[in-house]
Amino acid sequence: MIPINVNNKQHQVSRETNVLQLVQTLNLTTPAIAIAINNAVVPKTIWSATFLQPNDNVLLIQPAQGG
């Protein structure tokens, strides 16, 4: 297990976890979610090929209504 920070909350994930698996583990179903790791946006097309590293800072951004 490795420690990561998701939206300022500590989580433990297995060493071989990719971004897509993290989204599934956190039960995020919003199709328009955006993810940044260590301040770099990760395109949805490479979520399954982007593996989390110890102490990564993950920012999950979900759309909000308003105007």
C-alpha atoms as a PDB file:
ATOM      1  CA  MET A   1       0.000   0.000   0.000  1.00  0.00           C
ATOM      2  CA  ILE A   2       1.119   3.548  -0.709  1.00  0.00           C
ATOM      3  CA  PRO A   3      -0.117   6.844   0.738  1.00  0.00           C
ATOM      4  CA  ILE A   4      -1.714   9.409  -1.559  1.00  0.00           C
ATOM      5  CA  ASN A   5      -3.555  12.652  -0.913  1.00  0.00           C
ATOM      6  CA  VAL A   6      -6.959  13.031  -2.603  1.00  0.00           C
ATOM      7  CA  ASN A   7      -8.532  16.478  -2.264  1.00  0.00           C
ATOM      8  CA  ASN A   8      -6.558  17.049   0.942  1.00  0.00           C
ATOM      9  CA  LYS A   9      -7.511  13.696   2.507  1.00  0.00           C
ATOM     10  CA  GLN A  10      -5.057  10.866   3.052  1.00  0.00           C
ATOM     11  CA  HIS A  11      -5.816   7.544   1.341  1.00  0.00           C
ATOM     12  CA  GLN A  12      -3.979   4.260   1.047  1.00  0.00           C
ATOM     13  CA  VAL A  13      -4.020   2.468  -2.303  1.00  0.00           C
ATOM     14  CA  SER A  14      -2.213  -0.549  -3.658  1.00  0.00           C
ATOM     15  CA  ARG A  15       1.115   0.105  -5.338  1.00  0.00           C
ATOM     16  CA  GLU A  16      -0.233  -0.824  -8.807  1.00  0.00           C
ATOM     17  CA  THR A  17      -3.245   1.536  -8.760  1.00  0.00           C
ATOM     18  CA  ASN A  18      -3.916   3.640 -11.834  1.00  0.00           C
ATOM     19  CA  VAL A  19      -6.121   6.733 -12.054  1.00  0.00           C
ATOM     20  CA  LEU A  20      -9.074   4.840 -13.534  1.00  0.00           C
ATOM     21  CA  GLN A  21      -8.974   2.336 -10.674  1.00  0.00           C
ATOM     22  CA  LEU A  22      -8.875   5.192  -8.160  1.00  0.00           C
ATOM     23  CA  VAL A  23     -11.988   6.742  -9.727  1.00  0.00           C
ATOM     24  CA  GLN A  24     -13.755   3.372  -9.540  1.00  0.00           C
ATOM     25  CA  THR A  25     -12.620   2.775  -5.940  1.00  0.00           C
ATOM     26  CA  LEU A  26     -13.965   6.165  -4.878  1.00  0.00           C
ATOM     27  CA  ASN A  27     -17.297   5.393  -6.633  1.00  0.00           C
ATOM     28  CA  LEU A  28     -17.126   8.512  -8.785  1.00  0.00           C
ATOM     29  CA  THR A  29     -19.661   8.210 -11.573  1.00  0.00           C
ATOM     30  CA  THR A  30     -19.638  11.731 -12.975  1.00  0.00           C
ATOM     31  CA  PRO A  31     -18.507  11.430 -16.608  1.00  0.00           C
ATOM     32  CA  ALA A  32     -17.233  15.027 -16.657  1.00  0.00           C
ATOM     33  CA  ILE A  33     -14.735  14.683 -13.816  1.00  0.00           C
ATOM     34  CA  ALA A  34     -11.256  16.179 -14.254  1.00  0.00           C
ATOM     35  CA  ILE A  35      -8.173  14.926 -12.445  1.00  0.00           C
ATOM     36  CA  ALA A  36      -4.836  16.564 -11.727  1.00  0.00           C
ATOM     37  CA  ILE A  37      -1.875  14.837 -10.126  1.00  0.00           C
ATOM     38  CA  ASN A  38       0.777  17.057  -8.581  1.00  0.00           C
ATOM     39  CA  ASN A  39      -0.746  20.075 -10.378  1.00  0.00           C
ATOM     40  CA  ALA A  40      -0.672  18.431 -13.822  1.00  0.00           C
ATOM     41  CA  VAL A  41      -3.981  17.600 -15.520  1.00  0.00           C
ATOM     42  CA  VAL A  42      -4.250  13.946 -16.543  1.00  0.00           C
ATOM     43  CA  PRO A  43      -6.318  13.490 -19.737  1.00  0.00           C
ATOM     44  CA  LYS A  44      -9.073  10.888 -19.407  1.00  0.00           C
ATOM     45  CA  THR A  45      -7.596   9.007 -22.370  1.00  0.00           C
ATOM     46  CA  ILE A  46      -4.541   7.997 -20.300  1.00  0.00           C
ATOM     47  CA  TRP A  47      -6.156   7.332 -16.897  1.00  0.00           C
ATOM     48  CA  SER A  48      -5.625   3.578 -17.228  1.00  0.00           C
ATOM     49  CA  ALA A  49      -1.945   4.073 -18.104  1.00  0.00           C
ATOM     50  CA  THR A  50      -1.214   6.612 -15.334  1.00  0.00           C
ATOM     51  CA  PHE A  51      -0.132   4.899 -12.134  1.00  0.00           C
ATOM     52  CA  LEU A  52      -0.169   6.591  -8.763  1.00  0.00           C
ATOM     53  CA  GLN A  53       3.084   7.106  -6.884  1.00  0.00           C
ATOM     54  CA  PRO A  54       3.664   7.415  -3.132  1.00  0.00           C
ATOM     55  CA  ASN A  55       2.629  10.821  -1.781  1.00  0.00           C
ATOM     56  CA  ASP A  56       0.972  11.955  -5.022  1.00  0.00           C
ATOM     57  CA  ASN A  57      -1.393  14.902  -4.586  1.00  0.00           C
ATOM     58  CA  VAL A  58      -4.566  14.108  -6.512  1.00  0.00           C
ATOM     59  CA  LEU A  59      -7.168  16.783  -7.184  1.00  0.00           C
ATOM     60  CA  LEU A  60     -10.618  15.624  -8.324  1.00  0.00           C
ATOM     61  CA  ILE A  61     -12.712  18.336  -9.920  1.00  0.00           C
ATOM     62  CA  GLN A  62     -16.409  17.769 -10.551  1.00  0.00           C
ATOM     63  CA  PRO A  63     -18.600  20.192 -12.490  1.00  0.00           C
ATOM     64  CA  ALA A  64     -20.888  22.455 -10.515  1.00  0.00           C
ATOM     65  CA  GLN A  65     -24.063  24.134 -11.632  1.00  0.00           C
ATOM     66  CA  GLY A  66     -24.437  27.833 -11.359  1.00  0.00           C
ATOM     67  CA  GLY A  67     -24.005  30.904 -13.310  1.00  0.00           C
END
